Amino acid sequence: MSAPSVRIGLPAPPGRPTTPPSREALPDVSLVLILFGTALVSLALFNKVPRYVAPSRPTTGRGAAPARGGTATRRAATGPRAGVRPRVRLVSARLTEQGRALCTAVGGSALIVAFFLTLSGL
């Protein structure tokens, strides 16, 4: 048996597709730019960021309940539910107008660059 011949710098034989090795190693730049630009523009539009909220510890029930019969009273009387999972809440990003403008400009520019990179095939 003979080893297949490797020809450097010549086109591949017919029926055998070739892919450049550098393209396989790099991530898709346009996809990364789309994700980055979308995150910045949505931050500027909604002015909210996700925040991790740890589960609360079980209380012993010694605290005084509020005077009104709202949800807090019922929770204090029954205690927290077993198995409360951690969650993510949206909180205010507290961006100034200049910060929102900067996020919009940089995020929009990233989206425009991603659009043209996709059109060019990179």
PDB file of N, CA and C in Angstrom:
ATOM      1  N   MET A   1       0.837  -1.176   0.000  1.00  0.00           N
ATOM      2  CA  MET A   1       0.000   0.000   0.000  1.00  0.00           C
ATOM      3  C   MET A   1       0.881   1.237   0.000  1.00  0.00           C
ATOM      4  N   SER A   2       0.499   2.187  -0.749  1.00  0.00           N
ATOM      5  CA  SER A   2       1.273   3.421  -0.791  1.00  0.00           C
ATOM      6  C   SER A   2       0.494   4.526  -0.099  1.00  0.00           C
ATOM      7  N   ALA A   3       1.222   5.434   0.527  1.00  0.00           N
ATOM      8  CA  ALA A   3       0.600   6.568   1.222  1.00  0.00           C
ATOM      9  C   ALA A   3       0.073   7.553   0.189  1.00  0.00           C
ATOM     10  N   PRO A   4      -1.033   8.217   0.514  1.00  0.00           N
ATOM     11  CA  PRO A   4      -1.558   9.191  -0.447  1.00  0.00           C
ATOM     12  C   PRO A   4      -0.558  10.338  -0.616  1.00  0.00           C
ATOM     13  N   SER A   5      -0.451  10.789  -1.840  1.00  0.00           N
ATOM     14  CA  SER A   5       0.496  11.868  -2.114  1.00  0.00           C
ATOM     15  C   SER A   5      -0.096  13.210  -1.685  1.00  0.00           C
ATOM     16  N   VAL A   6       0.762  14.050  -1.160  1.00  0.00           N
ATOM     17  CA  VAL A   6       0.350  15.377  -0.723  1.00  0.00           C
ATOM     18  C   VAL A   6       1.010  16.383  -1.650  1.00  0.00           C
ATOM     19  N   ARG A   7       0.178  17.200  -2.299  1.00  0.00           N
ATOM     20  CA  ARG A   7       0.713  18.212  -3.195  1.00  0.00           C
ATOM     21  C   ARG A   7       0.496  19.575  -2.556  1.00  0.00           C
ATOM     22  N   ILE A   8       1.555  20.271  -2.289  1.00  0.00           N
ATOM     23  CA  ILE A   8       1.479  21.576  -1.645  1.00  0.00           C
ATOM     24  C   ILE A   8       1.411  22.653  -2.716  1.00  0.00           C
ATOM     25  N   GLY A   9       0.430  23.555  -2.574  1.00  0.00           N
ATOM     26  CA  GLY A   9       0.316  24.670  -3.498  1.00  0.00           C
ATOM     27  C   GLY A   9      -0.468  24.351  -4.753  1.00  0.00           C
ATOM     28  N   LEU A  10      -0.885  23.115  -4.948  1.00  0.00           N
ATOM     29  CA  LEU A  10      -1.659  22.740  -6.121  1.00  0.00           C
ATOM     30  C   LEU A  10      -3.117  22.528  -5.724  1.00  0.00           C
ATOM     31  N   PRO A  11      -4.031  22.712  -6.648  1.00  0.00           N
ATOM     32  CA  PRO A  11      -5.450  22.498  -6.308  1.00  0.00           C
ATOM     33  C   PRO A  11      -5.712  21.029  -5.983  1.00  0.00           C
ATOM     34  N   ALA A  12      -6.749  20.808  -5.190  1.00  0.00           N
ATOM     35  CA  ALA A  12      -7.114  19.449  -4.785  1.00  0.00           C
ATOM     36  C   ALA A  12      -7.663  18.689  -5.981  1.00  0.00           C
ATOM     37  N   PRO A  13      -7.531  17.382  -5.951  1.00  0.00           N
ATOM     38  CA  PRO A  13      -8.100  16.579  -7.030  1.00  0.00           C
ATOM     39  C   PRO A  13      -9.610  16.764  -7.085  1.00  0.00           C
ATOM     40  N   PRO A  14     -10.221  16.560  -8.243  1.00  0.00           N
ATOM     41  CA  PRO A  14     -11.671  16.722  -8.365  1.00  0.00           C
ATOM     42  C   PRO A  14     -12.414  15.760  -7.437  1.00  0.00           C
ATOM     43  N   GLY A  15     -13.506  16.240  -6.848  1.00  0.00           N
ATOM     44  CA  GLY A  15     -14.317  15.424  -5.964  1.00  0.00           C
ATOM     45  C   GLY A  15     -13.827  15.418  -4.532  1.00  0.00           C
ATOM     46  N   ARG A  16     -12.794  16.144  -4.235  1.00  0.00           N
ATOM     47  CA  ARG A  16     -12.234  16.175  -2.883  1.00  0.00           C
ATOM     48  C   ARG A  16     -12.257  17.622  -2.363  1.00  0.00           C
ATOM     49  N   PRO A  17     -13.207  17.948  -1.483  1.00  0.00           N
ATOM     50  CA  PRO A  17     -13.302  19.334  -1.022  1.00  0.00           C
ATOM     51  C   PRO A  17     -12.134  19.699  -0.108  1.00  0.00           C
ATOM     52  N   THR A  18     -11.753  20.951  -0.159  1.00  0.00           N
ATOM     53  CA  THR A  18     -10.691  21.436   0.715  1.00  0.00           C
ATOM     54  C   THR A  18     -11.221  22.580   1.556  1.00  0.00           C
ATOM     55  N   THR A  19     -10.731  22.646   2.754  1.00  0.00           N
ATOM     56  CA  THR A  19     -11.056  23.764   3.637  1.00  0.00           C
ATOM     57  C   THR A  19      -9.749  24.302   4.187  1.00  0.00           C
ATOM     58  N   PRO A  20      -9.622  25.593   4.228  1.00  0.00           N
ATOM     59  CA  PRO A  20      -8.374  26.135   4.794  1.00  0.00           C
ATOM     60  C   PRO A  20      -8.295  25.830   6.278  1.00  0.00           C
ATOM     61  N   PRO A  21      -7.143  25.386   6.774  1.00  0.00           N
ATOM     62  CA  PRO A  21      -7.029  25.018   8.186  1.00  0.00           C
ATOM     63  C   PRO A  21      -7.193  26.196   9.131  1.00  0.00           C
ATOM     64  N   SER A  22      -6.845  27.407   8.704  1.00  0.00           N
ATOM     65  CA  SER A  22      -6.969  28.558   9.601  1.00  0.00           C
ATOM     66  C   SER A  22      -8.436  28.897   9.849  1.00  0.00           C
ATOM     67  N   ARG A  23      -9.304  28.633   8.919  1.00  0.00           N
ATOM     68  CA  ARG A  23     -10.727  28.940   9.076  1.00  0.00           C
ATOM     69  C   ARG A  23     -11.378  28.031  10.120  1.00  0.00           C
ATOM     70  N   GLU A  24     -10.922  26.798  10.226  1.00  0.00           N
ATOM     71  CA  GLU A  24     -11.506  25.872  11.192  1.00  0.00           C
ATOM     72  C   GLU A  24     -11.120  26.242  12.624  1.00  0.00           C
ATOM     73  N   ALA A  25      -9.951  26.799  12.806  1.00  0.00           N
ATOM     74  CA  ALA A  25      -9.473  27.109  14.145  1.00  0.00           C
ATOM     75  C   ALA A  25     -10.080  28.398  14.699  1.00  0.00           C
ATOM     76  N   LEU A  26     -10.463  29.339  13.845  1.00  0.00           N
ATOM     77  CA  LEU A  26     -11.000  30.620  14.300  1.00  0.00           C
ATOM     78  C   LEU A  26     -12.503  30.543  14.524  1.00  0.00           C
ATOM     79  N   PRO A  27     -13.010  31.225  15.549  1.00  0.00           N
ATOM     80  CA  PRO A  27     -14.463  31.291  15.712  1.00  0.00           C
ATOM     81  C   PRO A  27     -15.049  32.220  14.653  1.00  0.00           C
ATOM     82  N   ASP A  28     -16.310  32.118  14.444  1.00  0.00           N
ATOM     83  CA  ASP A  28     -16.981  32.960  13.470  1.00  0.00           C
ATOM     84  C   ASP A  28     -17.032  34.383  14.019  1.00  0.00           C
ATOM     85  N   VAL A  29     -16.239  35.267  13.432  1.00  0.00           N
ATOM     86  CA  VAL A  29     -16.097  36.633  13.930  1.00  0.00           C
ATOM     87  C   VAL A  29     -17.419  37.382  13.839  1.00  0.00           C
ATOM     88  N   SER A  30     -18.154  37.177  12.769  1.00  0.00           N
ATOM     89  CA  SER A  30     -19.412  37.907  12.623  1.00  0.00           C
ATOM     90  C   SER A  30     -20.425  37.485  13.697  1.00  0.00           C
ATOM     91  N   LEU A  31     -20.422  36.225  14.083  1.00  0.00           N
ATOM     92  CA  LEU A  31     -21.332  35.771  15.133  1.00  0.00           C
ATOM     93  C   LEU A  31     -20.967  36.390  16.477  1.00  0.00           C
ATOM     94  N   VAL A  32     -19.669  36.467  16.762  1.00  0.00           N
ATOM     95  CA  VAL A  32     -19.214  37.089  18.004  1.00  0.00           C
ATOM     96  C   VAL A  32     -19.593  38.565  18.024  1.00  0.00           C
ATOM     97  N   LEU A  33     -19.423  39.252  16.903  1.00  0.00           N
ATOM     98  CA  LEU A  33     -19.787  40.668  16.832  1.00  0.00           C
ATOM     99  C   LEU A  33     -21.294  40.873  16.962  1.00  0.00           C
ATOM    100  N   ILE A  34     -22.074  39.972  16.411  1.00  0.00           N
ATOM    101  CA  ILE A  34     -23.538  40.075  16.541  1.00  0.00           C
ATOM    102  C   ILE A  34     -23.945  39.930  18.001  1.00  0.00           C
ATOM    103  N   LEU A  35     -23.379  38.957  18.693  1.00  0.00           N
ATOM    104  CA  LEU A  35     -23.714  38.766  20.112  1.00  0.00           C
ATOM    105  C   LEU A  35     -23.274  39.960  20.954  1.00  0.00           C
ATOM    106  N   PHE A  36     -22.074  40.468  20.709  1.00  0.00           N
ATOM    107  CA  PHE A  36     -21.554  41.621  21.443  1.00  0.00           C
ATOM    108  C   PHE A  36     -22.397  42.864  21.188  1.00  0.00           C
ATOM    109  N   GLY A  37     -22.703  43.129  19.925  1.00  0.00           N
ATOM    110  CA  GLY A  37     -23.499  44.307  19.576  1.00  0.00           C
ATOM    111  C   GLY A  37     -24.916  44.231  20.112  1.00  0.00           C
ATOM    112  N   THR A  38     -25.517  43.055  20.060  1.00  0.00           N
ATOM    113  CA  THR A  38     -26.876  42.885  20.572  1.00  0.00           C
ATOM    114  C   THR A  38     -26.929  43.114  22.076  1.00  0.00           C
ATOM    115  N   ALA A  39     -25.929  42.617  22.791  1.00  0.00           N
ATOM    116  CA  ALA A  39     -25.893  42.821  24.240  1.00  0.00           C
ATOM    117  C   ALA A  39     -25.774  44.302  24.586  1.00  0.00           C
ATOM    118  N   LEU A  40     -24.908  45.021  23.882  1.00  0.00           N
ATOM    119  CA  LEU A  40     -24.735  46.448  24.178  1.00  0.00           C
ATOM    120  C   LEU A  40     -25.966  47.271  23.816  1.00  0.00           C
ATOM    121  N   VAL A  41     -26.571  46.982  22.672  1.00  0.00           N
ATOM    122  CA  VAL A  41     -27.751  47.750  22.265  1.00  0.00           C
ATOM    123  C   VAL A  41     -28.926  47.454  23.190  1.00  0.00           C
ATOM    124  N   SER A  42     -29.113  46.209  23.596  1.00  0.00           N
ATOM    125  CA  SER A  42     -30.212  45.897  24.517  1.00  0.00           C
ATOM    126  C   SER A  42     -29.972  46.511  25.891  1.00  0.00           C
ATOM    127  N   LEU A  43     -28.707  46.588  26.319  1.00  0.00           N
ATOM    128  CA  LEU A  43     -28.389  47.270  27.573  1.00  0.00           C
ATOM    129  C   LEU A  43     -28.762  48.745  27.482  1.00  0.00           C
ATOM    130  N   ALA A  44     -28.450  49.367  26.364  1.00  0.00           N
ATOM    131  CA  ALA A  44     -28.771  50.785  26.195  1.00  0.00           C
ATOM    132  C   ALA A  44     -30.276  51.018  26.080  1.00  0.00           C
ATOM    133  N   LEU A  45     -30.989  50.119  25.437  1.00  0.00           N
ATOM    134  CA  LEU A  45     -32.432  50.317  25.250  1.00  0.00           C
ATOM    135  C   LEU A  45     -33.223  50.102  26.533  1.00  0.00           C
ATOM    136  N   PHE A  46     -32.919  49.031  27.251  1.00  0.00           N
ATOM    137  CA  PHE A  46     -33.739  48.666  28.409  1.00  0.00           C
ATOM    138  C   PHE A  46     -33.148  49.122  29.741  1.00  0.00           C
ATOM    139  N   ASN A  47     -31.853  49.465  29.778  1.00  0.00           N
ATOM    140  CA  ASN A  47     -31.179  49.937  30.984  1.00  0.00           C
ATOM    141  C   ASN A  47     -31.327  48.938  32.139  1.00  0.00           C
ATOM    142  N   LYS A  48     -31.264  47.655  31.830  1.00  0.00           N
ATOM    143  CA  LYS A  48     -31.372  46.581  32.826  1.00  0.00           C
ATOM    144  C   LYS A  48     -30.238  45.587  32.619  1.00  0.00           C
ATOM    145  N   VAL A  49     -29.755  45.015  33.724  1.00  0.00           N
ATOM    146  CA  VAL A  49     -28.740  43.971  33.661  1.00  0.00           C
ATOM    147  C   VAL A  49     -29.187  42.804  34.544  1.00  0.00           C
ATOM    148  N   PRO A  50     -28.794  41.568  34.207  1.00  0.00           N
ATOM    149  CA  PRO A  50     -29.145  40.435  35.066  1.00  0.00           C
ATOM    150  C   PRO A  50     -28.318  40.442  36.341  1.00  0.00           C
ATOM    151  N   ARG A  51     -28.923  40.013  37.432  1.00  0.00           N
ATOM    152  CA  ARG A  51     -28.224  39.923  38.714  1.00  0.00           C
ATOM    153  C   ARG A  51     -28.604  38.613  39.388  1.00  0.00           C
ATOM    154  N   TYR A  52     -27.602  37.929  39.902  1.00  0.00           N
ATOM    155  CA  TYR A  52     -27.816  36.660  40.599  1.00  0.00           C
ATOM    156  C   TYR A  52     -28.353  36.933  41.992  1.00  0.00           C
ATOM    157  N   VAL A  53     -29.432  36.252  42.361  1.00  0.00           N
ATOM    158  CA  VAL A  53     -30.016  36.376  43.692  1.00  0.00           C
ATOM    159  C   VAL A  53     -29.891  35.026  44.373  1.00  0.00           C
ATOM    160  N   ALA A  54     -29.151  35.004  45.464  1.00  0.00           N
ATOM    161  CA  ALA A  54     -28.962  33.765  46.202  1.00  0.00           C
ATOM    162  C   ALA A  54     -30.248  33.394  46.932  1.00  0.00           C
ATOM    163  N   PRO A  55     -30.480  32.109  47.161  1.00  0.00           N
ATOM    164  CA  PRO A  55     -31.683  31.720  47.900  1.00  0.00           C
ATOM    165  C   PRO A  55     -31.600  32.214  49.339  1.00  0.00           C
ATOM    166  N   SER A  56     -32.750  32.567  49.894  1.00  0.00           N
ATOM    167  CA  SER A  56     -32.764  33.063  51.270  1.00  0.00           C
ATOM    168  C   SER A  56     -32.654  31.894  52.243  1.00  0.00           C
ATOM    169  N   ARG A  57     -32.078  32.181  53.405  1.00  0.00           N
ATOM    170  CA  ARG A  57     -31.958  31.150  54.430  1.00  0.00           C
ATOM    171  C   ARG A  57     -33.293  30.983  55.146  1.00  0.00           C
ATOM    172  N   PRO A  58     -33.574  29.811  55.632  1.00  0.00           N
ATOM    173  CA  PRO A  58     -34.816  29.626  56.381  1.00  0.00           C
ATOM    174  C   PRO A  58     -34.801  30.462  57.661  1.00  0.00           C
ATOM    175  N   THR A  59     -35.932  31.084  57.940  1.00  0.00           N
ATOM    176  CA  THR A  59     -36.037  31.883  59.164  1.00  0.00           C
ATOM    177  C   THR A  59     -36.609  31.025  60.279  1.00  0.00           C
ATOM    178  N   THR A  60     -36.348  31.448  61.512  1.00  0.00           N
ATOM    179  CA  THR A  60     -36.848  30.681  62.657  1.00  0.00           C
ATOM    180  C   THR A  60     -38.261  31.071  63.021  1.00  0.00           C
ATOM    181  N   GLY A  61     -38.750  32.165  62.449  1.00  0.00           N
ATOM    182  CA  GLY A  61     -40.123  32.568  62.732  1.00  0.00           C
ATOM    183  C   GLY A  61     -40.266  33.410  63.979  1.00  0.00           C
ATOM    184  N   ARG A  62     -39.165  33.874  64.564  1.00  0.00           N
ATOM    185  CA  ARG A  62     -39.233  34.679  65.785  1.00  0.00           C
ATOM    186  C   ARG A  62     -39.587  36.131  65.511  1.00  0.00           C
ATOM    187  N   GLY A  63     -39.370  36.593  64.288  1.00  0.00           N
ATOM    188  CA  GLY A  63     -39.628  37.998  63.968  1.00  0.00           C
ATOM    189  C   GLY A  63     -41.107  38.324  63.989  1.00  0.00           C
ATOM    190  N   ALA A  64     -41.418  39.563  64.275  1.00  0.00           N
ATOM    191  CA  ALA A  64     -42.819  39.998  64.308  1.00  0.00           C
ATOM    192  C   ALA A  64     -43.324  40.179  62.892  1.00  0.00           C
ATOM    193  N   ALA A  65     -44.530  39.731  62.644  1.00  0.00           N
ATOM    194  CA  ALA A  65     -45.148  39.855  61.333  1.00  0.00           C
ATOM    195  C   ALA A  65     -45.659  41.282  61.146  1.00  0.00           C
ATOM    196  N   PRO A  66     -45.701  41.768  59.902  1.00  0.00           N
ATOM    197  CA  PRO A  66     -46.258  43.097  59.645  1.00  0.00           C
ATOM    198  C   PRO A  66     -47.732  43.158  60.050  1.00  0.00           C
ATOM    199  N   ALA A  67     -48.203  44.368  60.316  1.00  0.00           N
ATOM    200  CA  ALA A  67     -49.573  44.544  60.804  1.00  0.00           C
ATOM    201  C   ALA A  67     -50.606  44.193  59.751  1.00  0.00           C
ATOM    202  N   ARG A  68     -50.321  44.482  58.491  1.00  0.00           N
ATOM    203  CA  ARG A  68     -51.306  44.210  57.438  1.00  0.00           C
ATOM    204  C   ARG A  68     -51.193  42.768  56.962  1.00  0.00           C
ATOM    205  N   GLY A  69     -52.258  42.239  56.489  1.00  0.00           N
ATOM    206  CA  GLY A  69     -52.291  40.834  56.074  1.00  0.00           C
ATOM    207  C   GLY A  69     -51.930  40.654  54.623  1.00  0.00           C
ATOM    208  N   GLY A  70     -50.737  41.007  54.226  1.00  0.00           N
ATOM    209  CA  GLY A  70     -50.293  40.865  52.843  1.00  0.00           C
ATOM    210  C   GLY A  70     -49.535  39.571  52.637  1.00  0.00           C
ATOM    211  N   THR A  71     -48.802  39.538  51.559  1.00  0.00           N
ATOM    212  CA  THR A  71     -48.016  38.352  51.230  1.00  0.00           C
ATOM    213  C   THR A  71     -46.910  38.128  52.256  1.00  0.00           C
ATOM    214  N   ALA A  72     -46.326  39.214  52.741  1.00  0.00           N
ATOM    215  CA  ALA A  72     -45.243  39.076  53.709  1.00  0.00           C
ATOM    216  C   ALA A  72     -45.728  38.385  54.980  1.00  0.00           C
ATOM    217  N   THR A  73     -46.966  38.669  55.392  1.00  0.00           N
ATOM    218  CA  THR A  73     -47.507  38.038  56.591  1.00  0.00           C
ATOM    219  C   THR A  73     -47.676  36.545  56.375  1.00  0.00           C
ATOM    220  N   ARG A  74     -48.190  36.181  55.225  1.00  0.00           N
ATOM    221  CA  ARG A  74     -48.383  34.764  54.950  1.00  0.00           C
ATOM    222  C   ARG A  74     -47.050  34.037  54.861  1.00  0.00           C
ATOM    223  N   ARG A  75     -46.059  34.672  54.257  1.00  0.00           N
ATOM    224  CA  ARG A  75     -44.743  34.032  54.164  1.00  0.00           C
ATOM    225  C   ARG A  75     -44.098  33.905  55.533  1.00  0.00           C
ATOM    226  N   ALA A  76     -44.265  34.928  56.375  1.00  0.00           N
ATOM    227  CA  ALA A  76     -43.674  34.873  57.713  1.00  0.00           C
ATOM    228  C   ALA A  76     -44.345  33.787  58.541  1.00  0.00           C
ATOM    229  N   ALA A  77     -45.639  33.614  58.343  1.00  0.00           N
ATOM    230  CA  ALA A  77     -46.361  32.619  59.123  1.00  0.00           C
ATOM    231  C   ALA A  77     -46.031  31.195  58.675  1.00  0.00           C
ATOM    232  N   THR A  78     -45.891  30.998  57.375  1.00  0.00           N
ATOM    233  CA  THR A  78     -45.648  29.649  56.877  1.00  0.00           C
ATOM    234  C   THR A  78     -44.174  29.341  56.721  1.00  0.00           C
ATOM    235  N   GLY A  79     -43.313  30.382  56.662  1.00  0.00           N
ATOM    236  CA  GLY A  79     -41.886  30.157  56.459  1.00  0.00           C
ATOM    237  C   GLY A  79     -41.586  29.993  54.981  1.00  0.00           C
ATOM    238  N   PRO A  80     -40.326  30.046  54.616  1.00  0.00           N
ATOM    239  CA  PRO A  80     -39.971  29.898  53.206  1.00  0.00           C
ATOM    240  C   PRO A  80     -40.198  28.466  52.737  1.00  0.00           C
ATOM    241  N   ARG A  81     -40.459  28.360  51.468  1.00  0.00           N
ATOM    242  CA  ARG A  81     -40.668  27.034  50.885  1.00  0.00           C
ATOM    243  C   ARG A  81     -39.361  26.261  50.854  1.00  0.00           C
ATOM    244  N   ALA A  82     -39.446  24.983  51.063  1.00  0.00           N
ATOM    245  CA  ALA A  82     -38.251  24.140  51.011  1.00  0.00           C
ATOM    246  C   ALA A  82     -37.793  24.027  49.564  1.00  0.00           C
ATOM    247  N   GLY A  83     -36.505  24.043  49.350  1.00  0.00           N
ATOM    248  CA  GLY A  83     -35.957  23.878  48.007  1.00  0.00           C
ATOM    249  C   GLY A  83     -36.045  25.130  47.160  1.00  0.00           C
ATOM    250  N   VAL A  84     -35.944  26.307  47.758  1.00  0.00           N
ATOM    251  CA  VAL A  84     -35.972  27.536  46.977  1.00  0.00           C
ATOM    252  C   VAL A  84     -34.670  27.620  46.198  1.00  0.00           C
ATOM    253  N   ARG A  85     -34.777  27.746  44.880  1.00  0.00           N
ATOM    254  CA  ARG A  85     -33.603  27.759  44.015  1.00  0.00           C
ATOM    255  C   ARG A  85     -33.081  29.176  43.838  1.00  0.00           C
ATOM    256  N   PRO A  86     -31.793  29.315  43.538  1.00  0.00           N
ATOM    257  CA  PRO A  86     -31.276  30.634  43.201  1.00  0.00           C
ATOM    258  C   PRO A  86     -31.863  31.093  41.866  1.00  0.00           C
ATOM    259  N   ARG A  87     -31.926  32.382  41.677  1.00  0.00           N
ATOM    260  CA  ARG A  87     -32.531  32.884  40.447  1.00  0.00           C
ATOM    261  C   ARG A  87     -31.802  34.125  39.975  1.00  0.00           C
ATOM    262  N   VAL A  88     -32.174  34.578  38.801  1.00  0.00           N
ATOM    263  CA  VAL A  88     -31.587  35.763  38.197  1.00  0.00           C
ATOM    264  C   VAL A  88     -32.694  36.799  38.037  1.00  0.00           C
ATOM    265  N   ARG A  89     -32.429  38.016  38.523  1.00  0.00           N
ATOM    266  CA  ARG A  89     -33.391  39.111  38.398  1.00  0.00           C
ATOM    267  C   ARG A  89     -32.792  40.206  37.538  1.00  0.00           C
ATOM    268  N   LEU A  90     -33.643  40.990  36.902  1.00  0.00           N
ATOM    269  CA  LEU A  90     -33.179  42.144  36.151  1.00  0.00           C
ATOM    270  C   LEU A  90     -33.219  43.360  37.057  1.00  0.00           C
ATOM    271  N   VAL A  91     -32.086  44.020  37.190  1.00  0.00           N
ATOM    272  CA  VAL A  91     -31.999  45.227  38.007  1.00  0.00           C
ATOM    273  C   VAL A  91     -31.548  46.377  37.117  1.00  0.00           C
ATOM    274  N   SER A  92     -31.731  47.586  37.588  1.00  0.00           N
ATOM    275  CA  SER A  92     -31.377  48.769  36.818  1.00  0.00           C
ATOM    276  C   SER A  92     -29.868  48.843  36.625  1.00  0.00           C
ATOM    277  N   ALA A  93     -29.444  49.198  35.412  1.00  0.00           N
ATOM    278  CA  ALA A  93     -28.020  49.340  35.116  1.00  0.00           C
ATOM    279  C   ALA A  93     -27.492  50.701  35.544  1.00  0.00           C
ATOM    280  N   ARG A  94     -28.368  51.644  35.814  1.00  0.00           N
ATOM    281  CA  ARG A  94     -28.029  53.004  36.252  1.00  0.00           C
ATOM    282  C   ARG A  94     -27.054  53.685  35.291  1.00  0.00           C
ATOM    283  N   LEU A  95     -27.349  53.596  33.991  1.00  0.00           N
ATOM    284  CA  LEU A  95     -26.520  54.245  32.989  1.00  0.00           C
ATOM    285  C   LEU A  95     -26.928  55.710  32.843  1.00  0.00           C
ATOM    286  N   THR A  96     -25.952  56.574  32.636  1.00  0.00           N
ATOM    287  CA  THR A  96     -26.260  57.967  32.326  1.00  0.00           C
ATOM    288  C   THR A  96     -26.611  58.059  30.845  1.00  0.00           C
ATOM    289  N   GLU A  97     -27.027  59.229  30.421  1.00  0.00           N
ATOM    290  CA  GLU A  97     -27.344  59.410  29.000  1.00  0.00           C
ATOM    291  C   GLU A  97     -26.111  59.208  28.133  1.00  0.00           C
ATOM    292  N   GLN A  98     -24.952  59.658  28.624  1.00  0.00           N
ATOM    293  CA  GLN A  98     -23.719  59.452  27.866  1.00  0.00           C
ATOM    294  C   GLN A  98     -23.357  57.970  27.800  1.00  0.00           C
ATOM    295  N   GLY A  99     -23.604  57.242  28.876  1.00  0.00           N
ATOM    296  CA  GLY A  99     -23.339  55.808  28.879  1.00  0.00           C
ATOM    297  C   GLY A  99     -24.252  55.056  27.930  1.00  0.00           C
ATOM    298  N   ARG A 100     -25.513  55.448  27.908  1.00  0.00           N
ATOM    299  CA  ARG A 100     -26.449  54.808  26.978  1.00  0.00           C
ATOM    300  C   ARG A 100     -26.079  55.119  25.537  1.00  0.00           C
ATOM    301  N   ALA A 101     -25.659  56.369  25.294  1.00  0.00           N
ATOM    302  CA  ALA A 101     -25.258  56.746  23.940  1.00  0.00           C
ATOM    303  C   ALA A 101     -24.013  55.973  23.506  1.00  0.00           C
ATOM    304  N   LEU A 102     -23.074  55.801  24.420  1.00  0.00           N
ATOM    305  CA  LEU A 102     -21.864  55.053  24.103  1.00  0.00           C
ATOM    306  C   LEU A 102     -22.178  53.590  23.804  1.00  0.00           C
ATOM    307  N   CYS A 103     -23.034  52.971  24.629  1.00  0.00           N
ATOM    308  CA  CYS A 103     -23.419  51.563  24.393  1.00  0.00           C
ATOM    309  C   CYS A 103     -24.135  51.414  23.063  1.00  0.00           C
ATOM    310  N   THR A 104     -24.990  52.371  22.732  1.00  0.00           N
ATOM    311  CA  THR A 104     -25.709  52.313  21.463  1.00  0.00           C
ATOM    312  C   THR A 104     -24.754  52.458  20.289  1.00  0.00           C
ATOM    313  N   ALA A 105     -23.812  53.405  20.383  1.00  0.00           N
ATOM    314  CA  ALA A 105     -22.883  53.644  19.276  1.00  0.00           C
ATOM    315  C   ALA A 105     -21.945  52.458  19.061  1.00  0.00           C
ATOM    316  N   VAL A 106     -21.362  51.941  20.136  1.00  0.00           N
ATOM    317  CA  VAL A 106     -20.416  50.819  20.002  1.00  0.00           C
ATOM    318  C   VAL A 106     -21.153  49.546  19.576  1.00  0.00           C
ATOM    319  N   GLY A 107     -22.309  49.292  20.186  1.00  0.00           N
ATOM    320  CA  GLY A 107     -23.072  48.097  19.817  1.00  0.00           C
ATOM    321  C   GLY A 107     -23.594  48.158  18.391  1.00  0.00           C
ATOM    322  N   GLY A 108     -24.081  49.325  17.990  1.00  0.00           N
ATOM    323  CA  GLY A 108     -24.559  49.480  16.610  1.00  0.00           C
ATOM    324  C   GLY A 108     -23.433  49.343  15.604  1.00  0.00           C
ATOM    325  N   SER A 109     -22.261  49.886  15.938  1.00  0.00           N
ATOM    326  CA  SER A 109     -21.105  49.744  15.045  1.00  0.00           C
ATOM    327  C   SER A 109     -20.690  48.281  14.914  1.00  0.00           C
ATOM    328  N   ALA A 110     -20.728  47.553  16.018  1.00  0.00           N
ATOM    329  CA  ALA A 110     -20.388  46.123  15.963  1.00  0.00           C
ATOM    330  C   ALA A 110     -21.384  45.365  15.082  1.00  0.00           C
ATOM    331  N   LEU A 111     -22.652  45.726  15.171  1.00  0.00           N
ATOM    332  CA  LEU A 111     -23.655  45.062  14.327  1.00  0.00           C
ATOM    333  C   LEU A 111     -23.458  45.402  12.850  1.00  0.00           C
ATOM    334  N   ILE A 112     -23.088  46.642  12.554  1.00  0.00           N
ATOM    335  CA  ILE A 112     -22.845  47.028  11.155  1.00  0.00           C
ATOM    336  C   ILE A 112     -21.623  46.301  10.605  1.00  0.00           C
ATOM    337  N   VAL A 113     -20.556  46.216  11.392  1.00  0.00           N
ATOM    338  CA  VAL A 113     -19.355  45.496  10.965  1.00  0.00           C
ATOM    339  C   VAL A 113     -19.672  44.024  10.745  1.00  0.00           C
ATOM    340  N   ALA A 114     -20.465  43.428  11.637  1.00  0.00           N
ATOM    341  CA  ALA A 114     -20.855  42.023  11.478  1.00  0.00           C
ATOM    342  C   ALA A 114     -21.666  41.814  10.205  1.00  0.00           C
ATOM    343  N   PHE A 115     -22.536  42.778   9.892  1.00  0.00           N
ATOM    344  CA  PHE A 115     -23.344  42.687   8.673  1.00  0.00           C
ATOM    345  C   PHE A 115     -22.452  42.664   7.431  1.00  0.00           C
ATOM    346  N   PHE A 116     -21.485  43.573   7.378  1.00  0.00           N
ATOM    347  CA  PHE A 116     -20.627  43.625   6.203  1.00  0.00           C
ATOM    348  C   PHE A 116     -19.649  42.457   6.141  1.00  0.00           C
ATOM    349  N   LEU A 117     -19.206  41.962   7.283  1.00  0.00           N
ATOM    350  CA  LEU A 117     -18.374  40.750   7.273  1.00  0.00           C
ATOM    351  C   LEU A 117     -19.149  39.550   6.764  1.00  0.00           C
ATOM    352  N   THR A 118     -20.416  39.478   7.127  1.00  0.00           N
ATOM    353  CA  THR A 118     -21.253  38.369   6.645  1.00  0.00           C
ATOM    354  C   THR A 118     -21.468  38.485   5.152  1.00  0.00           C
ATOM    355  N   LEU A 119     -21.682  39.708   4.657  1.00  0.00           N
ATOM    356  CA  LEU A 119     -21.854  39.885   3.212  1.00  0.00           C
ATOM    357  C   LEU A 119     -20.592  39.514   2.432  1.00  0.00           C
ATOM    358  N   SER A 120     -19.437  39.813   3.015  1.00  0.00           N
ATOM    359  CA  SER A 120     -18.180  39.523   2.303  1.00  0.00           C
ATOM    360  C   SER A 120     -17.794  38.048   2.409  1.00  0.00           C
ATOM    361  N   GLY A 121     -18.429  37.325   3.304  1.00  0.00           N
ATOM    362  CA  GLY A 121     -18.161  35.891   3.420  1.00  0.00           C
ATOM    363  C   GLY A 121     -17.074  35.539   4.408  1.00  0.00           C
ATOM    364  N   LEU A 122     -16.679  36.468   5.238  1.00  0.00           N
ATOM    365  CA  LEU A 122     -15.637  36.167   6.235  1.00  0.00           C
ATOM    366  C   LEU A 122     -16.204  35.641   7.498  1.00  0.00           C
TER     367      LEU A 122
END
